[in-house]
Amino acid sequence: MEDDRLTKNPARPARRNLPQPDTREMLFLTHEEVERLVSVVDEPRRTFLYALAYTGIRWGEAVALRKGWCHVLKAKLHIAESLAEVSGVLHFGEPKTAKSRRWVDMPRFVADMLGAHIGTQVLGDDGALIFTSPKGAPLRHSNFYKTIWRPAVWNAGLPDALRL
């Protein structure tokens, strides 16, 4: 700007209102609240919610988990891929950051549930998705949120602000 090459400072905030970052504080469930939540859903969604609650993996990581990345005997999940929905189109890709590619421990009871789920619900080779829709398609956040998550949170008497 000093030598008149720019007429306007690009680092200066725009005059219009910019979107604000989501600053809501995250809510974490107690063991009792997790039990209340999973008690109001049926399998295989119950196993999915336990996996989310007790491993700390992100939604996109959970819905991209593949059969070959679940090591039930070691009680570990390999996070190697993520699934995102952009303008209604699903995209498989790398996890959020380089450090997001990792091994995640899970409690023995979650590993056992996951093993039973894989044995009865997951058809196909090691590349098959572990968690899918009833028709075998990848889970979509918007559908799951409306049809499973919101009703479960409400029926379990949990805070409405609870996010997935």
N, C-alpha and C. Protein backbone atom coordinates (compact mmCIF):
# COMPACT_ATOMS: atom_id res chain seq x y z
N MET A 1 0.82 -1.19 0.00
CA MET A 1 0.00 0.00 0.00
C MET A 1 0.87 1.26 0.00
N GLU A 2 2.05 1.16 0.65
CA GLU A 2 2.91 2.33 0.72
C GLU A 2 3.39 2.79 -0.65
N ASP A 3 3.64 1.84 -1.56
CA ASP A 3 4.13 2.24 -2.88
C ASP A 3 3.02 2.27 -3.94
N ASP A 4 1.76 2.31 -3.49
CA ASP A 4 0.58 2.47 -4.34
C ASP A 4 0.34 1.31 -5.31
N ARG A 5 0.83 0.14 -5.00
CA ARG A 5 0.54 -1.03 -5.85
C ARG A 5 -0.82 -1.64 -5.51
N LEU A 6 -1.20 -1.49 -4.27
CA LEU A 6 -2.51 -1.97 -3.83
C LEU A 6 -3.36 -0.77 -3.43
N THR A 7 -4.63 -0.83 -3.82
CA THR A 7 -5.51 0.28 -3.45
C THR A 7 -6.20 0.03 -2.12
N LYS A 8 -6.16 -1.22 -1.70
CA LYS A 8 -6.87 -1.62 -0.49
C LYS A 8 -6.04 -2.65 0.24
N ASN A 9 -6.03 -2.65 1.55
CA ASN A 9 -5.30 -3.61 2.36
C ASN A 9 -6.09 -4.92 2.42
N PRO A 10 -5.57 -6.02 1.83
CA PRO A 10 -6.32 -7.29 1.84
C PRO A 10 -6.39 -7.92 3.23
N ALA A 11 -5.54 -7.51 4.14
CA ALA A 11 -5.56 -8.07 5.49
C ALA A 11 -6.56 -7.36 6.40
N ARG A 12 -7.06 -6.22 5.95
CA ARG A 12 -8.02 -5.48 6.74
C ARG A 12 -9.38 -6.18 6.67
N PRO A 13 -10.06 -6.30 7.81
CA PRO A 13 -11.37 -6.99 7.80
C PRO A 13 -12.35 -6.32 6.86
N ALA A 14 -13.14 -7.13 6.21
CA ALA A 14 -14.17 -6.61 5.32
C ALA A 14 -15.22 -5.87 6.12
N ARG A 15 -15.92 -4.98 5.48
CA ARG A 15 -16.94 -4.19 6.17
C ARG A 15 -18.19 -5.04 6.48
N ARG A 16 -18.40 -6.06 5.71
CA ARG A 16 -19.57 -6.90 5.95
C ARG A 16 -19.28 -7.88 7.08
N ASN A 17 -20.33 -8.46 7.60
CA ASN A 17 -20.19 -9.43 8.70
C ASN A 17 -19.66 -10.76 8.16
N LEU A 18 -18.59 -11.21 8.73
CA LEU A 18 -18.02 -12.50 8.35
C LEU A 18 -18.58 -13.59 9.25
N PRO A 19 -18.63 -14.83 8.77
CA PRO A 19 -19.11 -15.91 9.62
C PRO A 19 -18.21 -16.04 10.85
N GLN A 20 -18.83 -16.28 11.97
CA GLN A 20 -18.08 -16.43 13.21
C GLN A 20 -17.77 -17.91 13.44
N PRO A 21 -16.60 -18.20 14.01
CA PRO A 21 -16.29 -19.61 14.30
C PRO A 21 -17.23 -20.16 15.36
N ASP A 22 -17.44 -21.46 15.30
CA ASP A 22 -18.30 -22.13 16.28
C ASP A 22 -17.55 -22.16 17.61
N THR A 23 -18.02 -21.40 18.57
CA THR A 23 -17.31 -21.30 19.85
C THR A 23 -18.07 -21.99 20.98
N ARG A 24 -19.09 -22.78 20.61
CA ARG A 24 -19.82 -23.49 21.67
C ARG A 24 -18.89 -24.48 22.36
N GLU A 25 -19.01 -24.55 23.64
CA GLU A 25 -18.18 -25.48 24.41
C GLU A 25 -18.64 -26.91 24.12
N MET A 26 -17.68 -27.81 23.96
CA MET A 26 -18.02 -29.20 23.71
C MET A 26 -18.59 -29.84 24.97
N LEU A 27 -19.58 -30.69 24.80
CA LEU A 27 -20.16 -31.44 25.91
C LEU A 27 -19.63 -32.86 25.86
N PHE A 28 -19.28 -33.39 27.00
CA PHE A 28 -18.81 -34.77 27.08
C PHE A 28 -19.75 -35.54 27.98
N LEU A 29 -20.12 -36.72 27.54
CA LEU A 29 -21.07 -37.55 28.28
C LEU A 29 -20.37 -38.36 29.36
N THR A 30 -21.09 -38.57 30.45
CA THR A 30 -20.62 -39.50 31.48
C THR A 30 -20.94 -40.91 31.01
N HIS A 31 -20.42 -41.91 31.70
CA HIS A 31 -20.74 -43.30 31.34
C HIS A 31 -22.24 -43.54 31.42
N GLU A 32 -22.87 -42.98 32.45
CA GLU A 32 -24.31 -43.16 32.61
C GLU A 32 -25.09 -42.52 31.47
N GLU A 33 -24.65 -41.36 31.01
CA GLU A 33 -25.33 -40.69 29.90
C GLU A 33 -25.15 -41.46 28.60
N VAL A 34 -23.96 -42.03 28.39
CA VAL A 34 -23.74 -42.87 27.20
C VAL A 34 -24.70 -44.05 27.24
N GLU A 35 -24.84 -44.66 28.40
CA GLU A 35 -25.75 -45.81 28.53
C GLU A 35 -27.19 -45.40 28.22
N ARG A 36 -27.61 -44.25 28.71
CA ARG A 36 -28.96 -43.77 28.41
C ARG A 36 -29.14 -43.54 26.92
N LEU A 37 -28.12 -42.97 26.28
CA LEU A 37 -28.20 -42.70 24.84
C LEU A 37 -28.29 -43.99 24.03
N VAL A 38 -27.40 -44.93 24.30
CA VAL A 38 -27.41 -46.16 23.49
C VAL A 38 -28.61 -47.05 23.79
N SER A 39 -29.22 -46.86 24.96
CA SER A 39 -30.37 -47.70 25.31
C SER A 39 -31.60 -47.40 24.46
N VAL A 40 -31.62 -46.25 23.80
CA VAL A 40 -32.80 -45.87 23.01
C VAL A 40 -32.61 -46.09 21.51
N VAL A 41 -31.50 -46.73 21.12
CA VAL A 41 -31.29 -47.07 19.71
C VAL A 41 -31.08 -48.58 19.58
N ASP A 42 -31.32 -49.08 18.39
CA ASP A 42 -31.16 -50.50 18.12
C ASP A 42 -29.80 -50.76 17.50
N GLU A 43 -29.42 -52.04 17.48
CA GLU A 43 -28.23 -52.43 16.73
C GLU A 43 -28.55 -52.23 15.25
N PRO A 44 -27.59 -51.91 14.45
CA PRO A 44 -26.16 -51.74 14.70
C PRO A 44 -25.77 -50.34 15.16
N ARG A 45 -26.75 -49.44 15.31
CA ARG A 45 -26.44 -48.06 15.71
C ARG A 45 -25.86 -48.00 17.12
N ARG A 46 -26.25 -48.93 17.97
CA ARG A 46 -25.73 -48.96 19.34
C ARG A 46 -24.21 -49.13 19.33
N THR A 47 -23.72 -50.08 18.55
CA THR A 47 -22.27 -50.31 18.46
C THR A 47 -21.57 -49.08 17.90
N PHE A 48 -22.18 -48.45 16.91
CA PHE A 48 -21.61 -47.24 16.32
C PHE A 48 -21.46 -46.14 17.38
N LEU A 49 -22.50 -45.93 18.18
CA LEU A 49 -22.45 -44.88 19.20
C LEU A 49 -21.43 -45.22 20.30
N TYR A 50 -21.34 -46.49 20.68
CA TYR A 50 -20.31 -46.88 21.65
C TYR A 50 -18.91 -46.60 21.09
N ALA A 51 -18.71 -46.93 19.82
CA ALA A 51 -17.40 -46.70 19.20
C ALA A 51 -17.06 -45.21 19.21
N LEU A 52 -18.02 -44.38 18.86
CA LEU A 52 -17.78 -42.93 18.89
C LEU A 52 -17.50 -42.44 20.31
N ALA A 53 -18.30 -42.90 21.25
CA ALA A 53 -18.19 -42.41 22.63
C ALA A 53 -16.89 -42.83 23.31
N TYR A 54 -16.42 -44.04 23.04
CA TYR A 54 -15.29 -44.56 23.81
C TYR A 54 -13.96 -44.60 23.07
N THR A 55 -13.94 -44.13 21.82
CA THR A 55 -12.65 -44.05 21.13
C THR A 55 -12.25 -42.61 20.85
N GLY A 56 -13.21 -41.70 20.81
CA GLY A 56 -12.90 -40.31 20.55
C GLY A 56 -12.65 -39.99 19.09
N ILE A 57 -12.94 -40.94 18.20
CA ILE A 57 -12.72 -40.67 16.78
C ILE A 57 -13.80 -39.74 16.26
N ARG A 58 -13.49 -39.03 15.21
CA ARG A 58 -14.42 -38.09 14.58
C ARG A 58 -15.46 -38.84 13.74
N TRP A 59 -16.56 -38.15 13.47
CA TRP A 59 -17.62 -38.73 12.63
C TRP A 59 -17.05 -39.26 11.32
N GLY A 60 -16.33 -38.42 10.60
CA GLY A 60 -15.81 -38.81 9.28
C GLY A 60 -14.87 -40.00 9.35
N GLU A 61 -14.12 -40.11 10.44
CA GLU A 61 -13.22 -41.26 10.62
C GLU A 61 -14.02 -42.52 10.91
N ALA A 62 -15.07 -42.40 11.72
CA ALA A 62 -15.88 -43.57 12.08
C ALA A 62 -16.62 -44.15 10.88
N VAL A 63 -17.19 -43.27 10.06
CA VAL A 63 -17.97 -43.78 8.93
C VAL A 63 -17.08 -44.26 7.78
N ALA A 64 -15.79 -43.98 7.85
CA ALA A 64 -14.85 -44.46 6.83
C ALA A 64 -14.08 -45.69 7.29
N LEU A 65 -14.35 -46.17 8.51
CA LEU A 65 -13.63 -47.36 9.01
C LEU A 65 -13.92 -48.57 8.13
N ARG A 66 -12.86 -49.30 7.86
CA ARG A 66 -13.00 -50.50 7.03
C ARG A 66 -12.69 -51.75 7.85
N LYS A 67 -13.23 -52.86 7.42
CA LYS A 67 -13.11 -54.12 8.13
C LYS A 67 -11.65 -54.46 8.45
N GLY A 68 -10.76 -54.25 7.51
CA GLY A 68 -9.36 -54.60 7.71
C GLY A 68 -8.63 -53.68 8.68
N TRP A 69 -9.24 -52.57 9.06
CA TRP A 69 -8.60 -51.63 9.97
C TRP A 69 -9.06 -51.79 11.41
N CYS A 70 -9.90 -52.77 11.65
CA CYS A 70 -10.40 -53.03 13.00
C CYS A 70 -9.72 -54.29 13.53
N HIS A 71 -8.88 -54.13 14.53
CA HIS A 71 -8.16 -55.25 15.12
C HIS A 71 -8.78 -55.57 16.48
N VAL A 72 -9.78 -56.45 16.43
CA VAL A 72 -10.57 -56.76 17.62
C VAL A 72 -9.70 -57.37 18.72
N LEU A 73 -8.83 -58.31 18.38
CA LEU A 73 -8.01 -58.97 19.41
C LEU A 73 -7.07 -57.99 20.11
N LYS A 74 -6.58 -57.01 19.38
CA LYS A 74 -5.69 -56.00 19.98
C LYS A 74 -6.47 -54.81 20.53
N ALA A 75 -7.78 -54.78 20.29
CA ALA A 75 -8.65 -53.66 20.70
C ALA A 75 -8.13 -52.33 20.17
N LYS A 76 -7.85 -52.32 18.86
CA LYS A 76 -7.33 -51.12 18.21
C LYS A 76 -8.03 -50.88 16.88
N LEU A 77 -8.15 -49.59 16.56
CA LEU A 77 -8.66 -49.18 15.25
C LEU A 77 -7.57 -48.41 14.53
N HIS A 78 -7.42 -48.68 13.25
CA HIS A 78 -6.47 -47.93 12.44
C HIS A 78 -7.25 -46.84 11.71
N ILE A 79 -6.93 -45.60 12.02
CA ILE A 79 -7.59 -44.46 11.35
C ILE A 79 -6.70 -44.07 10.18
N ALA A 80 -7.19 -44.36 8.98
CA ALA A 80 -6.39 -44.13 7.78
C ALA A 80 -7.14 -43.36 6.71
N GLU A 81 -8.41 -43.11 6.95
CA GLU A 81 -9.24 -42.47 5.94
C GLU A 81 -10.37 -41.73 6.63
N SER A 82 -10.94 -40.79 5.93
CA SER A 82 -12.07 -40.03 6.45
C SER A 82 -13.09 -39.86 5.33
N LEU A 83 -14.33 -39.67 5.71
CA LEU A 83 -15.40 -39.46 4.74
C LEU A 83 -16.06 -38.12 5.02
N ALA A 84 -16.19 -37.31 4.00
CA ALA A 84 -16.85 -36.01 4.13
C ALA A 84 -17.94 -35.91 3.08
N GLU A 85 -18.99 -35.18 3.43
CA GLU A 85 -20.07 -34.92 2.49
C GLU A 85 -20.03 -33.44 2.15
N VAL A 86 -19.84 -33.14 0.88
CA VAL A 86 -19.77 -31.76 0.41
C VAL A 86 -20.83 -31.56 -0.66
N SER A 87 -21.77 -30.69 -0.39
CA SER A 87 -22.87 -30.41 -1.34
C SER A 87 -23.57 -31.69 -1.79
N GLY A 88 -23.77 -32.60 -0.84
CA GLY A 88 -24.48 -33.84 -1.13
C GLY A 88 -23.65 -34.94 -1.75
N VAL A 89 -22.37 -34.68 -2.01
CA VAL A 89 -21.49 -35.68 -2.63
C VAL A 89 -20.51 -36.19 -1.57
N LEU A 90 -20.39 -37.51 -1.46
CA LEU A 90 -19.48 -38.12 -0.49
C LEU A 90 -18.07 -38.21 -1.06
N HIS A 91 -17.08 -37.85 -0.22
CA HIS A 91 -15.68 -37.89 -0.63
C HIS A 91 -14.86 -38.63 0.41
N PHE A 92 -14.21 -39.73 -0.01
CA PHE A 92 -13.26 -40.41 0.85
C PHE A 92 -11.90 -39.76 0.66
N GLY A 93 -11.17 -39.58 1.74
CA GLY A 93 -9.87 -38.96 1.63
C GLY A 93 -9.04 -39.15 2.88
N GLU A 94 -7.94 -38.43 2.92
CA GLU A 94 -7.04 -38.50 4.06
C GLU A 94 -7.73 -37.95 5.31
N PRO A 95 -7.32 -38.41 6.49
CA PRO A 95 -7.86 -37.81 7.72
C PRO A 95 -7.53 -36.33 7.80
N LYS A 96 -8.10 -35.66 8.77
CA LYS A 96 -8.03 -34.20 8.89
C LYS A 96 -6.61 -33.64 8.84
N THR A 97 -5.68 -34.25 9.57
CA THR A 97 -4.29 -33.80 9.58
C THR A 97 -3.38 -35.02 9.44
N ALA A 98 -2.09 -34.78 9.25
CA ALA A 98 -1.13 -35.88 9.14
C ALA A 98 -1.11 -36.71 10.43
N LYS A 99 -1.24 -36.03 11.56
CA LYS A 99 -1.24 -36.74 12.85
C LYS A 99 -2.54 -37.51 13.08
N SER A 100 -3.57 -37.21 12.29
CA SER A 100 -4.84 -37.91 12.44
C SER A 100 -4.76 -39.34 11.94
N ARG A 101 -3.77 -39.67 11.14
CA ARG A 101 -3.56 -41.05 10.70
C ARG A 101 -2.88 -41.75 11.87
N ARG A 102 -3.61 -42.65 12.53
CA ARG A 102 -3.12 -43.18 13.80
C ARG A 102 -3.81 -44.48 14.18
N TRP A 103 -3.31 -45.09 15.25
CA TRP A 103 -3.96 -46.24 15.88
C TRP A 103 -4.68 -45.73 17.12
N VAL A 104 -5.91 -46.18 17.31
CA VAL A 104 -6.71 -45.75 18.45
C VAL A 104 -7.08 -46.97 19.28
N ASP A 105 -6.84 -46.87 20.58
CA ASP A 105 -7.25 -47.94 21.49
C ASP A 105 -8.74 -47.86 21.77
N MET A 106 -9.34 -49.00 22.05
CA MET A 106 -10.74 -49.01 22.45
C MET A 106 -10.90 -49.97 23.63
N PRO A 107 -11.86 -49.70 24.49
CA PRO A 107 -12.09 -50.61 25.61
C PRO A 107 -12.45 -52.01 25.10
N ARG A 108 -12.12 -53.02 25.88
CA ARG A 108 -12.37 -54.41 25.49
C ARG A 108 -13.84 -54.63 25.14
N PHE A 109 -14.76 -54.06 25.93
CA PHE A 109 -16.18 -54.32 25.64
C PHE A 109 -16.59 -53.72 24.29
N VAL A 110 -16.00 -52.59 23.90
CA VAL A 110 -16.30 -52.00 22.59
C VAL A 110 -15.69 -52.87 21.49
N ALA A 111 -14.48 -53.37 21.71
CA ALA A 111 -13.84 -54.26 20.73
C ALA A 111 -14.67 -55.52 20.54
N ASP A 112 -15.19 -56.08 21.62
CA ASP A 112 -16.03 -57.28 21.52
C ASP A 112 -17.33 -56.99 20.75
N MET A 113 -17.94 -55.84 21.04
CA MET A 113 -19.16 -55.47 20.32
C MET A 113 -18.87 -55.27 18.84
N LEU A 114 -17.74 -54.63 18.56
CA LEU A 114 -17.36 -54.38 17.17
C LEU A 114 -17.08 -55.69 16.44
N GLY A 115 -16.43 -56.63 17.14
CA GLY A 115 -16.18 -57.94 16.54
C GLY A 115 -17.48 -58.65 16.20
N ALA A 116 -18.45 -58.61 17.10
CA ALA A 116 -19.76 -59.23 16.85
C ALA A 116 -20.47 -58.51 15.69
N HIS A 117 -20.37 -57.20 15.67
CA HIS A 117 -20.98 -56.42 14.59
C HIS A 117 -20.38 -56.80 13.24
N ILE A 118 -19.07 -56.87 13.20
CA ILE A 118 -18.40 -57.22 11.94
C ILE A 118 -18.79 -58.63 11.50
N GLY A 119 -18.86 -59.54 12.45
CA GLY A 119 -19.22 -60.92 12.12
C GLY A 119 -20.62 -61.10 11.58
N THR A 120 -21.54 -60.22 12.01
CA THR A 120 -22.94 -60.38 11.58
C THR A 120 -23.41 -59.34 10.57
N GLN A 121 -22.80 -58.17 10.55
CA GLN A 121 -23.31 -57.07 9.73
C GLN A 121 -22.44 -56.69 8.54
N VAL A 122 -21.15 -57.03 8.59
CA VAL A 122 -20.23 -56.55 7.56
C VAL A 122 -19.92 -57.66 6.58
N LEU A 123 -20.40 -57.49 5.37
CA LEU A 123 -20.15 -58.47 4.33
C LEU A 123 -18.99 -57.98 3.48
N GLY A 124 -18.29 -58.88 2.88
CA GLY A 124 -17.22 -58.47 1.98
C GLY A 124 -15.84 -58.61 2.57
N ASP A 125 -14.87 -58.11 1.81
CA ASP A 125 -13.46 -58.26 2.17
C ASP A 125 -13.03 -57.20 3.18
N ASP A 126 -11.73 -57.10 3.41
CA ASP A 126 -11.19 -56.16 4.38
C ASP A 126 -11.45 -54.71 4.02
N GLY A 127 -11.82 -54.42 2.78
CA GLY A 127 -12.10 -53.06 2.37
C GLY A 127 -13.54 -52.63 2.61
N ALA A 128 -14.37 -53.55 3.12
CA ALA A 128 -15.78 -53.22 3.36
C ALA A 128 -15.92 -52.24 4.52
N LEU A 129 -16.82 -51.28 4.37
CA LEU A 129 -17.09 -50.33 5.45
C LEU A 129 -17.74 -51.05 6.63
N ILE A 130 -17.36 -50.66 7.83
CA ILE A 130 -17.90 -51.29 9.03
C ILE A 130 -19.30 -50.77 9.34
N PHE A 131 -19.50 -49.47 9.23
CA PHE A 131 -20.78 -48.86 9.55
C PHE A 131 -21.41 -48.30 8.28
N THR A 132 -22.60 -48.81 7.97
CA THR A 132 -23.29 -48.38 6.75
C THR A 132 -24.77 -48.16 7.05
N SER A 133 -25.46 -47.63 6.06
CA SER A 133 -26.92 -47.47 6.15
C SER A 133 -27.55 -48.85 6.04
N PRO A 134 -28.85 -48.95 6.32
CA PRO A 134 -29.52 -50.26 6.16
C PRO A 134 -29.39 -50.84 4.75
N LYS A 135 -29.19 -49.98 3.75
CA LYS A 135 -29.03 -50.47 2.37
C LYS A 135 -27.58 -50.73 2.01
N GLY A 136 -26.67 -50.56 2.97
CA GLY A 136 -25.25 -50.84 2.72
C GLY A 136 -24.45 -49.67 2.19
N ALA A 137 -25.05 -48.50 2.12
CA ALA A 137 -24.35 -47.30 1.63
C ALA A 137 -23.60 -46.63 2.79
N PRO A 138 -22.62 -45.80 2.48
CA PRO A 138 -21.94 -45.05 3.55
C PRO A 138 -22.95 -44.20 4.32
N LEU A 139 -22.72 -44.05 5.62
CA LEU A 139 -23.59 -43.21 6.44
C LEU A 139 -23.40 -41.75 6.08
N ARG A 140 -24.51 -41.04 6.00
CA ARG A 140 -24.49 -39.60 5.76
C ARG A 140 -24.85 -38.90 7.07
N HIS A 141 -24.03 -37.92 7.42
CA HIS A 141 -24.22 -37.21 8.68
C HIS A 141 -25.62 -36.61 8.77
N SER A 142 -26.07 -35.95 7.72
CA SER A 142 -27.37 -35.27 7.77
C SER A 142 -28.51 -36.25 8.01
N ASN A 143 -28.49 -37.40 7.36
CA ASN A 143 -29.53 -38.41 7.56
C ASN A 143 -29.47 -38.99 8.97
N PHE A 144 -28.27 -39.35 9.40
CA PHE A 144 -28.10 -39.95 10.73
C PHE A 144 -28.52 -38.96 11.81
N TYR A 145 -28.14 -37.72 11.64
CA TYR A 145 -28.46 -36.69 12.63
C TYR A 145 -29.97 -36.55 12.80
N LYS A 146 -30.70 -36.50 11.68
CA LYS A 146 -32.15 -36.30 11.73
C LYS A 146 -32.90 -37.55 12.20
N THR A 147 -32.50 -38.71 11.70
CA THR A 147 -33.30 -39.91 11.95
C THR A 147 -32.89 -40.71 13.18
N ILE A 148 -31.62 -40.62 13.58
CA ILE A 148 -31.13 -41.42 14.71
C ILE A 148 -30.71 -40.52 15.88
N TRP A 149 -29.77 -39.60 15.62
CA TRP A 149 -29.14 -38.83 16.69
C TRP A 149 -30.13 -37.94 17.46
N ARG A 150 -30.83 -37.05 16.77
CA ARG A 150 -31.73 -36.12 17.46
C ARG A 150 -32.81 -36.86 18.25
N PRO A 151 -33.48 -37.86 17.66
CA PRO A 151 -34.48 -38.59 18.45
C PRO A 151 -33.85 -39.31 19.65
N ALA A 152 -32.66 -39.86 19.48
CA ALA A 152 -32.01 -40.58 20.60
C ALA A 152 -31.65 -39.62 21.73
N VAL A 153 -31.11 -38.46 21.38
CA VAL A 153 -30.76 -37.47 22.40
C VAL A 153 -32.01 -37.04 23.15
N TRP A 154 -33.07 -36.78 22.43
CA TRP A 154 -34.32 -36.35 23.05
C TRP A 154 -34.89 -37.45 23.94
N ASN A 155 -34.96 -38.69 23.42
CA ASN A 155 -35.52 -39.82 24.18
C ASN A 155 -34.69 -40.18 25.41
N ALA A 156 -33.38 -39.90 25.35
CA ALA A 156 -32.52 -40.18 26.49
C ALA A 156 -32.53 -39.04 27.50
N GLY A 157 -33.21 -37.94 27.18
CA GLY A 157 -33.28 -36.81 28.10
C GLY A 157 -31.94 -36.08 28.23
N LEU A 158 -31.15 -36.06 27.17
CA LEU A 158 -29.87 -35.39 27.21
C LEU A 158 -29.98 -33.97 26.67
N PRO A 159 -28.97 -33.13 26.93
CA PRO A 159 -29.04 -31.73 26.47
C PRO A 159 -29.21 -31.62 24.96
N ASP A 160 -30.08 -30.75 24.55
CA ASP A 160 -30.35 -30.54 23.12
C ASP A 160 -29.11 -30.06 22.37
N ALA A 161 -28.18 -29.42 23.08
CA ALA A 161 -26.97 -28.89 22.45
C ALA A 161 -25.93 -29.97 22.18
N LEU A 162 -26.20 -31.20 22.56
CA LEU A 162 -25.24 -32.29 22.36
C LEU A 162 -25.01 -32.51 20.88
N ARG A 163 -23.75 -32.43 20.47
CA ARG A 163 -23.40 -32.56 19.06
C ARG A 163 -22.82 -33.93 18.76
N LEU A 164 -22.89 -34.29 17.51
CA LEU A 164 -22.37 -35.56 17.04
C LEU A 164 -21.03 -35.33 16.38
